[in-house]
C-alpha atoms as a PDB file:
ATOM      1  CA  UNK A   1       0.000   0.000   0.000  1.00  0.00           C
ATOM      2  CA  UNK A   2       1.857   3.120  -1.227  1.00  0.00           C
ATOM      3  CA  UNK A   3       0.473   5.717   1.217  1.00  0.00           C
ATOM      4  CA  UNK A   4       2.571   4.958   4.285  1.00  0.00           C
ATOM      5  CA  UNK A   5       1.977   7.945   6.582  1.00  0.00           C
ATOM      6  CA  UNK A   6       0.474  11.407   6.960  1.00  0.00           C
ATOM      7  CA  UNK A   7       1.381  14.335   9.205  1.00  0.00           C
ATOM      8  CA  UNK A   8      -0.464  17.413  10.424  1.00  0.00           C
ATOM      9  CA  UNK A   9       2.118  20.180  10.806  1.00  0.00           C
ATOM     10  CA  UNK A  10       1.571  23.777  11.956  1.00  0.00           C
ATOM     11  CA  UNK A  11       2.948  26.642   9.914  1.00  0.00           C
ATOM     12  CA  UNK A  12       3.485  29.619  12.217  1.00  0.00           C
ATOM     13  CA  UNK A  13       6.746  31.248  11.116  1.00  0.00           C
ATOM     14  CA  UNK A  14       7.671  31.874  14.761  1.00  0.00           C
ATOM     15  CA  UNK A  15       8.357  28.150  15.102  1.00  0.00           C
ATOM     16  CA  UNK A  16      11.588  28.629  13.134  1.00  0.00           C
ATOM     17  CA  UNK A  17      14.429  29.534  15.529  1.00  0.00           C
ATOM     18  CA  UNK A  18      15.900  33.011  15.129  1.00  0.00           C
ATOM     19  CA  UNK A  19      12.993  34.675  13.318  1.00  0.00           C
ATOM     20  CA  UNK A  20      11.201  36.027  16.393  1.00  0.00           C
ATOM     21  CA  UNK A  21      13.684  35.972  19.265  1.00  0.00           C
ATOM     22  CA  UNK A  22      11.375  37.820  21.690  1.00  0.00           C
ATOM     23  CA  UNK A  23       8.602  35.213  21.495  1.00  0.00           C
ATOM     24  CA  UNK A  24      10.416  32.032  20.507  1.00  0.00           C
ATOM     25  CA  UNK A  25      10.306  30.579  24.023  1.00  0.00           C
ATOM     26  CA  UNK A  26       6.526  30.191  23.652  1.00  0.00           C
ATOM     27  CA  UNK A  27       7.035  28.051  20.533  1.00  0.00           C
ATOM     28  CA  UNK A  28      10.129  26.134  21.598  1.00  0.00           C
ATOM     29  CA  UNK A  29       8.382  22.974  22.864  1.00  0.00           C
ATOM     30  CA  UNK A  30       6.516  22.602  19.559  1.00  0.00           C
ATOM     31  CA  UNK A  31       9.724  23.230  17.626  1.00  0.00           C
ATOM     32  CA  UNK A  32      11.561  20.505  19.528  1.00  0.00           C
ATOM     33  CA  UNK A  33       8.804  17.990  18.819  1.00  0.00           C
ATOM     34  CA  UNK A  34       9.402  18.257  15.087  1.00  0.00           C
ATOM     35  CA  UNK A  35      12.222  15.797  15.821  1.00  0.00           C
ATOM     36  CA  UNK A  36       9.500  13.184  16.457  1.00  0.00           C
ATOM     37  CA  UNK A  37       8.042  13.892  13.014  1.00  0.00           C
ATOM     38  CA  UNK A  38      11.472  13.618  11.401  1.00  0.00           C
ATOM     39  CA  UNK A  39      12.212  10.299  13.076  1.00  0.00           C
ATOM     40  CA  UNK A  40       8.857   8.895  12.017  1.00  0.00           C
ATOM     41  CA  UNK A  41       9.071   9.918   8.359  1.00  0.00           C
ATOM     42  CA  UNK A  42      12.648   8.591   8.141  1.00  0.00           C
ATOM     43  CA  UNK A  43      11.422   5.279   9.539  1.00  0.00           C
ATOM     44  CA  UNK A  44       8.582   5.136   7.014  1.00  0.00           C
ATOM     45  CA  UNK A  45      11.020   6.092   4.243  1.00  0.00           C
ATOM     46  CA  UNK A  46       8.583   7.229   1.518  1.00  0.00           C
ATOM     47  CA  UNK A  47       9.726   7.675  -2.068  1.00  0.00           C
ATOM     48  CA  UNK A  48       7.667  10.854  -2.519  1.00  0.00           C
ATOM     49  CA  UNK A  49       6.144  13.485  -0.249  1.00  0.00           C
ATOM     50  CA  UNK A  50       2.982  15.424  -1.093  1.00  0.00           C
ATOM     51  CA  UNK A  51       2.487  18.702   0.781  1.00  0.00           C
ATOM     52  CA  UNK A  52      -1.004  20.259   0.855  1.00  0.00           C
ATOM     53  CA  UNK A  53      -1.051  23.912   1.940  1.00  0.00           C
ATOM     54  CA  UNK A  54      -3.808  26.480   2.580  1.00  0.00           C
ATOM     55  CA  UNK A  55      -1.387  29.428   2.389  1.00  0.00           C
ATOM     56  CA  UNK A  56       0.424  29.382  -0.919  1.00  0.00           C
ATOM     57  CA  UNK A  57      -0.354  30.465  -4.460  1.00  0.00           C
ATOM     58  CA  UNK A  58      -4.148  30.716  -4.348  1.00  0.00           C
ATOM     59  CA  UNK A  59      -6.102  30.627  -7.604  1.00  0.00           C
ATOM     60  CA  UNK A  60      -9.724  31.709  -7.554  1.00  0.00           C
ATOM     61  CA  UNK A  61     -11.497  28.339  -7.744  1.00  0.00           C
ATOM     62  CA  UNK A  62      -8.924  25.727  -8.776  1.00  0.00           C
ATOM     63  CA  UNK A  63      -6.523  23.672  -6.727  1.00  0.00           C
ATOM     64  CA  UNK A  64      -2.974  24.314  -7.901  1.00  0.00           C
ATOM     65  CA  UNK A  65      -0.004  21.968  -8.339  1.00  0.00           C
ATOM     66  CA  UNK A  66       3.432  23.549  -8.695  1.00  0.00           C
ATOM     67  CA  UNK A  67       5.352  22.253 -11.713  1.00  0.00           C
ATOM     68  CA  UNK A  68       8.769  23.800 -11.174  1.00  0.00           C
ATOM     69  CA  UNK A  69      11.739  21.566 -10.455  1.00  0.00           C
ATOM     70  CA  UNK A  70      12.468  23.525  -7.278  1.00  0.00           C
ATOM     71  CA  UNK A  71      10.744  25.744  -4.739  1.00  0.00           C
ATOM     72  CA  UNK A  72      12.245  28.646  -2.804  1.00  0.00           C
ATOM     73  CA  UNK A  73      11.039  30.453   0.281  1.00  0.00           C
ATOM     74  CA  UNK A  74      12.513  33.263   2.353  1.00  0.00           C
ATOM     75  CA  UNK A  75      12.862  33.319   6.131  1.00  0.00           C
ATOM     76  CA  UNK A  76      12.683  36.939   7.309  1.00  0.00           C
ATOM     77  CA  UNK A  77      13.248  38.488  10.687  1.00  0.00           C
ATOM     78  CA  UNK A  78       9.646  38.890  11.791  1.00  0.00           C
ATOM     79  CA  UNK A  79       9.563  42.643  12.353  1.00  0.00           C
ATOM     80  CA  UNK A  80       6.594  43.504  10.093  1.00  0.00           C
ATOM     81  CA  UNK A  81       4.175  40.743  11.097  1.00  0.00           C
ATOM     82  CA  UNK A  82       4.221  37.128  12.261  1.00  0.00           C
ATOM     83  CA  UNK A  83       4.857  36.009   8.674  1.00  0.00           C
ATOM     84  CA  UNK A  84       6.900  38.816   7.123  1.00  0.00           C
ATOM     85  CA  UNK A  85       9.840  41.157   7.537  1.00  0.00           C
ATOM     86  CA  UNK A  86      12.373  43.192   5.573  1.00  0.00           C
ATOM     87  CA  UNK A  87      15.594  41.503   6.693  1.00  0.00           C
ATOM     88  CA  UNK A  88      16.003  38.048   5.138  1.00  0.00           C
ATOM     89  CA  UNK A  89      17.914  35.774   7.487  1.00  0.00           C
ATOM     90  CA  UNK A  90      17.887  32.619   5.378  1.00  0.00           C
ATOM     91  CA  UNK A  91      16.402  31.040   2.274  1.00  0.00           C
ATOM     92  CA  UNK A  92      14.922  27.597   1.893  1.00  0.00           C
ATOM     93  CA  UNK A  93      15.446  25.630  -1.329  1.00  0.00           C
ATOM     94  CA  UNK A  94      13.523  22.397  -1.884  1.00  0.00           C
ATOM     95  CA  UNK A  95      13.608  20.007  -4.846  1.00  0.00           C
ATOM     96  CA  UNK A  96      10.261  19.129  -6.423  1.00  0.00           C
ATOM     97  CA  UNK A  97       9.342  16.338  -8.811  1.00  0.00           C
ATOM     98  CA  UNK A  98       7.694  17.774 -11.960  1.00  0.00           C
ATOM     99  CA  UNK A  99       7.052  14.331 -13.480  1.00  0.00           C
ATOM    100  CA  UNK A 100       5.266  12.974 -10.400  1.00  0.00           C
ATOM    101  CA  UNK A 101       3.435  16.301 -10.042  1.00  0.00           C
ATOM    102  CA  UNK A 102       2.289  16.033 -13.657  1.00  0.00           C
ATOM    103  CA  UNK A 103       1.053  12.465 -13.135  1.00  0.00           C
ATOM    104  CA  UNK A 104      -0.992  13.587 -10.127  1.00  0.00           C
ATOM    105  CA  UNK A 105      -2.293  16.651 -11.969  1.00  0.00           C
ATOM    106  CA  UNK A 106      -3.469  14.595 -14.959  1.00  0.00           C
ATOM    107  CA  UNK A 107      -5.155  12.012 -12.722  1.00  0.00           C
ATOM    108  CA  UNK A 108      -7.039  14.642 -10.723  1.00  0.00           C
ATOM    109  CA  UNK A 109      -8.101  16.567 -13.833  1.00  0.00           C
ATOM    110  CA  UNK A 110      -9.234  13.391 -15.600  1.00  0.00           C
ATOM    111  CA  UNK A 111     -11.333  12.480 -12.575  1.00  0.00           C
ATOM    112  CA  UNK A 112     -13.275  15.705 -12.337  1.00  0.00           C
ATOM    113  CA  UNK A 113     -11.228  17.778  -9.887  1.00  0.00           C
ATOM    114  CA  UNK A 114     -10.947  21.468 -10.737  1.00  0.00           C
ATOM    115  CA  UNK A 115      -7.157  21.738 -10.691  1.00  0.00           C
ATOM    116  CA  UNK A 116      -4.537  23.747 -12.573  1.00  0.00           C
ATOM    117  CA  UNK A 117      -0.782  23.451 -12.874  1.00  0.00           C
ATOM    118  CA  UNK A 118       1.560  26.397 -12.471  1.00  0.00           C
ATOM    119  CA  UNK A 119       5.062  27.074 -13.747  1.00  0.00           C
ATOM    120  CA  UNK A 120       6.861  30.158 -12.406  1.00  0.00           C
ATOM    121  CA  UNK A 121       9.321  31.522 -14.986  1.00  0.00           C
ATOM    122  CA  UNK A 122      10.411  28.177 -16.401  1.00  0.00           C
ATOM    123  CA  UNK A 123      10.356  24.647 -15.032  1.00  0.00           C
ATOM    124  CA  UNK A 124      14.027  24.824 -14.037  1.00  0.00           C
ATOM    125  CA  UNK A 125      13.464  28.065 -12.098  1.00  0.00           C
ATOM    126  CA  UNK A 126      12.359  28.279  -8.452  1.00  0.00           C
ATOM    127  CA  UNK A 127       8.666  28.518  -7.643  1.00  0.00           C
ATOM    128  CA  UNK A 128       7.957  30.937  -4.774  1.00  0.00           C
ATOM    129  CA  UNK A 129       6.382  29.474  -1.635  1.00  0.00           C
ATOM    130  CA  UNK A 130       4.787  31.077   1.429  1.00  0.00           C
ATOM    131  CA  UNK A 131       4.618  30.216   5.118  1.00  0.00           C
ATOM    132  CA  UNK A 132       2.092  27.411   4.623  1.00  0.00           C
ATOM    133  CA  UNK A 133       4.800  25.508   2.755  1.00  0.00           C
ATOM    134  CA  UNK A 134       7.967  27.057   4.209  1.00  0.00           C
ATOM    135  CA  UNK A 135       7.510  26.023   7.843  1.00  0.00           C
ATOM    136  CA  UNK A 136       6.747  22.296   7.340  1.00  0.00           C
ATOM    137  CA  UNK A 137       9.437  22.031   4.661  1.00  0.00           C
ATOM    138  CA  UNK A 138      11.994  23.825   6.832  1.00  0.00           C
ATOM    139  CA  UNK A 139      11.722  21.165   9.514  1.00  0.00           C
ATOM    140  CA  UNK A 140      11.793  18.297   7.000  1.00  0.00           C
ATOM    141  CA  UNK A 141      14.461  19.697   4.695  1.00  0.00           C
ATOM    142  CA  UNK A 142      17.159  17.192   5.686  1.00  0.00           C
ATOM    143  CA  UNK A 143      14.913  14.298   4.666  1.00  0.00           C
ATOM    144  CA  UNK A 144      13.711  16.124   1.544  1.00  0.00           C
ATOM    145  CA  UNK A 145      17.264  16.479   0.249  1.00  0.00           C
ATOM    146  CA  UNK A 146      16.886  12.846  -0.852  1.00  0.00           C
ATOM    147  CA  UNK A 147      13.130  12.675  -1.501  1.00  0.00           C
ATOM    148  CA  UNK A 148      11.559  15.067  -4.038  1.00  0.00           C
ATOM    149  CA  UNK A 149       8.211  16.573  -3.202  1.00  0.00           C
ATOM    150  CA  UNK A 150       4.925  17.739  -4.657  1.00  0.00           C
ATOM    151  CA  UNK A 151       3.176  20.924  -3.523  1.00  0.00           C
ATOM    152  CA  UNK A 152      -0.591  21.404  -3.785  1.00  0.00           C
ATOM    153  CA  UNK A 153      -2.173  24.732  -2.804  1.00  0.00           C
ATOM    154  CA  UNK A 154      -5.824  25.506  -2.137  1.00  0.00           C
ATOM    155  CA  UNK A 155      -7.977  28.059  -3.964  1.00  0.00           C
ATOM    156  CA  UNK A 156      -9.478  31.212  -2.502  1.00  0.00           C
ATOM    157  CA  UNK A 157     -12.826  29.417  -2.621  1.00  0.00           C
ATOM    158  CA  UNK A 158     -11.788  27.429   0.452  1.00  0.00           C
ATOM    159  CA  UNK A 159     -12.655  30.467   2.604  1.00  0.00           C
ATOM    160  CA  UNK A 160     -16.324  29.690   1.875  1.00  0.00           C
ATOM    161  CA  UNK A 161     -15.840  26.439   3.744  1.00  0.00           C
ATOM    162  CA  UNK A 162     -19.487  25.411   4.066  1.00  0.00           C
ATOM    163  CA  UNK A 163     -19.971  25.403   0.293  1.00  0.00           C
ATOM    164  CA  UNK A 164     -16.477  24.226  -0.619  1.00  0.00           C
ATOM    165  CA  UNK A 165     -16.311  21.341   1.864  1.00  0.00           C
ATOM    166  CA  UNK A 166     -17.607  18.674  -0.593  1.00  0.00           C
ATOM    167  CA  UNK A 167     -14.922  19.649  -3.104  1.00  0.00           C
ATOM    168  CA  UNK A 168     -12.216  19.395  -0.436  1.00  0.00           C
ATOM    169  CA  UNK A 169     -13.424  15.945   0.572  1.00  0.00           C
ATOM    170  CA  UNK A 170     -13.591  14.798  -3.065  1.00  0.00           C
ATOM    171  CA  UNK A 171     -10.062  16.115  -3.624  1.00  0.00           C
ATOM    172  CA  UNK A 172      -8.942  13.856  -0.797  1.00  0.00           C
ATOM    173  CA  UNK A 173     -10.783  10.884  -2.253  1.00  0.00           C
ATOM    174  CA  UNK A 174      -9.027  11.304  -5.603  1.00  0.00           C
ATOM    175  CA  UNK A 175      -5.596  11.858  -4.039  1.00  0.00           C
ATOM    176  CA  UNK A 176      -6.179   8.647  -2.075  1.00  0.00           C
ATOM    177  CA  UNK A 177      -7.066   6.763  -5.255  1.00  0.00           C
ATOM    178  CA  UNK A 178      -3.983   8.104  -7.004  1.00  0.00           C
ATOM    179  CA  UNK A 179      -1.701   7.057  -4.150  1.00  0.00           C
ATOM    180  CA  UNK A 180      -3.163   3.553  -4.072  1.00  0.00           C
ATOM    181  CA  UNK A 181      -2.460   3.080  -7.750  1.00  0.00           C
ATOM    182  CA  UNK A 182       1.049   4.533  -7.955  1.00  0.00           C
ATOM    183  CA  UNK A 183       4.179   2.396  -7.485  1.00  0.00           C
ATOM    184  CA  UNK A 184       5.942   4.866  -5.182  1.00  0.00           C
ATOM    185  CA  UNK A 185       5.465   4.877  -1.435  1.00  0.00           C
ATOM    186  CA  UNK A 186       3.993   8.246  -0.456  1.00  0.00           C
ATOM    187  CA  UNK A 187       3.785  10.342   2.712  1.00  0.00           C
ATOM    188  CA  UNK A 188       1.437  13.308   3.051  1.00  0.00           C
ATOM    189  CA  UNK A 189       2.182  16.583   4.796  1.00  0.00           C
ATOM    190  CA  UNK A 190      -0.997  18.391   5.832  1.00  0.00           C
ATOM    191  CA  UNK A 191      -0.168  22.028   6.597  1.00  0.00           C
ATOM    192  CA  UNK A 192      -2.638  23.769   8.866  1.00  0.00           C
ATOM    193  CA  UNK A 193      -3.235  25.571  12.134  1.00  0.00           C
ATOM    194  CA  UNK A 194      -6.269  25.272  14.384  1.00  0.00           C
ATOM    195  CA  UNK A 195      -8.619  27.963  15.719  1.00  0.00           C
ATOM    196  CA  UNK A 196      -7.470  31.588  15.373  1.00  0.00           C
ATOM    197  CA  UNK A 197      -9.885  32.791  18.072  1.00  0.00           C
ATOM    198  CA  UNK A 198      -7.855  32.415  21.260  1.00  0.00           C
ATOM    199  CA  UNK A 199      -6.975  36.047  22.091  1.00  0.00           C
ATOM    200  CA  UNK A 200      -9.020  39.250  22.266  1.00  0.00           C
ATOM    201  CA  UNK A 201      -6.106  41.394  21.163  1.00  0.00           C
ATOM    202  CA  UNK A 202      -5.588  39.573  17.849  1.00  0.00           C
ATOM    203  CA  UNK A 203      -7.089  40.641  14.528  1.00  0.00           C
ATOM    204  CA  UNK A 204      -9.430  37.636  14.748  1.00  0.00           C
ATOM    205  CA  UNK A 205     -10.625  38.309  18.285  1.00  0.00           C
ATOM    206  CA  UNK A 206     -11.744  35.766  20.860  1.00  0.00           C
ATOM    207  CA  UNK A 207     -14.531  33.199  20.743  1.00  0.00           C
ATOM    208  CA  UNK A 208     -15.123  30.368  23.235  1.00  0.00           C
ATOM    209  CA  UNK A 209     -15.674  27.974  20.334  1.00  0.00           C
ATOM    210  CA  UNK A 210     -11.952  28.227  19.604  1.00  0.00           C
ATOM    211  CA  UNK A 211     -11.045  25.983  22.525  1.00  0.00           C
ATOM    212  CA  UNK A 212     -13.915  23.584  21.762  1.00  0.00           C
ATOM    213  CA  UNK A 213     -12.823  23.375  18.110  1.00  0.00           C
ATOM    214  CA  UNK A 214      -9.211  22.631  19.023  1.00  0.00           C
ATOM    215  CA  UNK A 215     -10.239  19.940  21.504  1.00  0.00           C
ATOM    216  CA  UNK A 216     -12.377  18.274  18.828  1.00  0.00           C
ATOM    217  CA  UNK A 217      -9.517  18.289  16.306  1.00  0.00           C
ATOM    218  CA  UNK A 218      -7.074  16.949  18.888  1.00  0.00           C
ATOM    219  CA  UNK A 219      -9.496  14.114  19.651  1.00  0.00           C
ATOM    220  CA  UNK A 220      -9.841  13.401  15.929  1.00  0.00           C
ATOM    221  CA  UNK A 221      -6.057  13.304  15.487  1.00  0.00           C
ATOM    222  CA  UNK A 222      -5.872  10.656  18.214  1.00  0.00           C
ATOM    223  CA  UNK A 223      -8.935   8.779  16.862  1.00  0.00           C
ATOM    224  CA  UNK A 224      -9.237   9.506  13.120  1.00  0.00           C
ATOM    225  CA  UNK A 225     -11.862   6.793  12.594  1.00  0.00           C
ATOM    226  CA  UNK A 226     -14.234   8.734  14.896  1.00  0.00           C
ATOM    227  CA  UNK A 227     -15.681  11.027  12.233  1.00  0.00           C
ATOM    228  CA  UNK A 228     -17.994  12.761  14.698  1.00  0.00           C
ATOM    229  CA  UNK A 229     -15.071  14.757  16.128  1.00  0.00           C
ATOM    230  CA  UNK A 230     -14.180  16.221  12.726  1.00  0.00           C
ATOM    231  CA  UNK A 231     -17.829  16.837  11.761  1.00  0.00           C
ATOM    232  CA  UNK A 232     -18.462  18.783  14.965  1.00  0.00           C
ATOM    233  CA  UNK A 233     -15.330  20.839  14.359  1.00  0.00           C
ATOM    234  CA  UNK A 234     -16.404  21.543  10.766  1.00  0.00           C
ATOM    235  CA  UNK A 235     -19.718  22.891  12.069  1.00  0.00           C
ATOM    236  CA  UNK A 236     -17.845  25.323  14.340  1.00  0.00           C
ATOM    237  CA  UNK A 237     -15.496  26.653  11.685  1.00  0.00           C
ATOM    238  CA  UNK A 238     -17.168  30.056  11.238  1.00  0.00           C
ATOM    239  CA  UNK A 239     -16.852  30.889  14.928  1.00  0.00           C
ATOM    240  CA  UNK A 240     -13.479  29.139  15.366  1.00  0.00           C
ATOM    241  CA  UNK A 241     -11.749  30.416  12.186  1.00  0.00           C
ATOM    242  CA  UNK A 242      -9.243  27.686  11.300  1.00  0.00           C
ATOM    243  CA  UNK A 243      -7.160  27.460   8.129  1.00  0.00           C
ATOM    244  CA  UNK A 244      -6.391  23.816   8.892  1.00  0.00           C
ATOM    245  CA  UNK A 245      -9.985  22.645   8.599  1.00  0.00           C
ATOM    246  CA  UNK A 246      -9.682  22.698   4.789  1.00  0.00           C
ATOM    247  CA  UNK A 247      -6.573  20.520   4.601  1.00  0.00           C
ATOM    248  CA  UNK A 248      -7.907  18.205   7.329  1.00  0.00           C
ATOM    249  CA  UNK A 249     -11.091  17.732   5.305  1.00  0.00           C
ATOM    250  CA  UNK A 250      -8.926  16.639   2.367  1.00  0.00           C
ATOM    251  CA  UNK A 251      -7.158  14.203   4.689  1.00  0.00           C
ATOM    252  CA  UNK A 252     -10.528  12.804   5.769  1.00  0.00           C
ATOM    253  CA  UNK A 253     -11.336  12.111   2.117  1.00  0.00           C
ATOM    254  CA  UNK A 254      -8.031  10.266   1.752  1.00  0.00           C
ATOM    255  CA  UNK A 255      -8.788   8.142   4.816  1.00  0.00           C
ATOM    256  CA  UNK A 256     -12.260   7.422   3.425  1.00  0.00           C
ATOM    257  CA  UNK A 257     -10.797   6.108   0.171  1.00  0.00           C
ATOM    258  CA  UNK A 258      -8.420   3.777   1.949  1.00  0.00           C
ATOM    259  CA  UNK A 259     -11.156   2.372   4.164  1.00  0.00           C
ATOM    260  CA  UNK A 260     -13.665   1.845   1.345  1.00  0.00           C
ATOM    261  CA  UNK A 261     -11.220   0.307  -1.115  1.00  0.00           C
ATOM    262  CA  UNK A 262      -9.162  -2.013   1.061  1.00  0.00           C
ATOM    263  CA  UNK A 263     -10.584  -1.960   4.581  1.00  0.00           C
ATOM    264  CA  UNK A 264      -7.650   0.046   5.897  1.00  0.00           C
ATOM    265  CA  UNK A 265      -8.337   2.094   8.989  1.00  0.00           C
ATOM    266  CA  UNK A 266      -5.965   4.729  10.330  1.00  0.00           C
ATOM    267  CA  UNK A 267      -4.489   5.386  13.730  1.00  0.00           C
ATOM    268  CA  UNK A 268      -3.297   8.754  14.948  1.00  0.00           C
ATOM    269  CA  UNK A 269      -0.973  10.280  17.508  1.00  0.00           C
ATOM    270  CA  UNK A 270      -1.196  13.807  18.872  1.00  0.00           C
ATOM    271  CA  UNK A 271       2.496  14.648  19.317  1.00  0.00           C
ATOM    272  CA  UNK A 272       1.962  18.102  20.804  1.00  0.00           C
ATOM    273  CA  UNK A 273      -0.587  20.906  21.022  1.00  0.00           C
ATOM    274  CA  UNK A 274      -0.153  24.461  22.234  1.00  0.00           C
ATOM    275  CA  UNK A 275      -1.583  27.955  21.914  1.00  0.00           C
ATOM    276  CA  UNK A 276       1.571  30.092  21.994  1.00  0.00           C
ATOM    277  CA  UNK A 277      -0.215  32.960  20.249  1.00  0.00           C
ATOM    278  CA  UNK A 278      -3.772  33.670  19.064  1.00  0.00           C
ATOM    279  CA  UNK A 279      -4.040  30.396  17.092  1.00  0.00           C
ATOM    280  CA  UNK A 280      -3.788  26.779  18.185  1.00  0.00           C
ATOM    281  CA  UNK A 281      -1.031  24.594  16.775  1.00  0.00           C
ATOM    282  CA  UNK A 282      -0.886  20.803  16.697  1.00  0.00           C
ATOM    283  CA  UNK A 283       1.610  18.177  15.548  1.00  0.00           C
ATOM    284  CA  UNK A 284      -0.017  14.918  14.486  1.00  0.00           C
ATOM    285  CA  UNK A 285       1.064  11.584  13.014  1.00  0.00           C
ATOM    286  CA  UNK A 286      -1.233   9.224  11.099  1.00  0.00           C
ATOM    287  CA  UNK A 287      -0.548   5.773   9.703  1.00  0.00           C
ATOM    288  CA  UNK A 288      -2.543   2.828   8.342  1.00  0.00           C
ATOM    289  CA  UNK A 289      -3.076  -0.001  10.802  1.00  0.00           C
ATOM    290  CA  UNK A 290      -5.238  -2.642   9.122  1.00  0.00           C
ATOM    291  CA  UNK A 291      -5.417  -4.310   5.728  1.00  0.00           C
ATOM    292  CA  UNK A 292      -7.675  -6.800   4.066  1.00  0.00           C
ATOM    293  CA  UNK A 293      -6.149 -10.196   3.321  1.00  0.00           C
END
């Protein structure tokens, strides 16, 4: 079975050491626990990694697959916001796999998914990436030196979650089908943060549903076969304001495919959860645990 593992990874830029020295201590425990993710993905040893991000190049209605041979992101000193700054401290260069990306793109398009491909400059040039891709890739870059990746970004339509939810789930179903039929062993990186409603002083404000939402997602990470946790969280998304609900809905579609087609259920592990700022952040590991004979 080619899909060997999946990971929920947060994408707050303050997780990266040196970018926000004043506040890094609040993020340090989460940062350290990325070592658990690295150890797990090395053990699973996939041939390809697919990253799904809610904060990258966002087309109006279509999912987007990057077709460049490489991706490049910049790590600024966070003096303008929690994702941006003028002084660039470091750059992140990641190899992508245009051929595998093209295979996935053609499969999704053939099977009714509204998806486009994107080349920035030329295929041998670097595609720009934002914090939704930069942070997970930063912590996995040592492994990704040997394993080329695929980057999928979500459209602006995902902000209308109630109406776009079926398309997110169907995207997951088709990614799951593709992975089952490809010869390479694949791991998925699901980029996403939880509720953004944990502090009054933030631009999102406070809502008590934020804590309820995060608890539901954390329970679902630990028990991914218990769909009620995710469904309840989906119903709270307007009041909880989470970017991760879109990518987690895709992951649910992937799990659904694997269960329907070969009886494979999934187990999960909540590695860490914290609210170091106005949004919740969780690290999660998922892997298949049962197969039909």
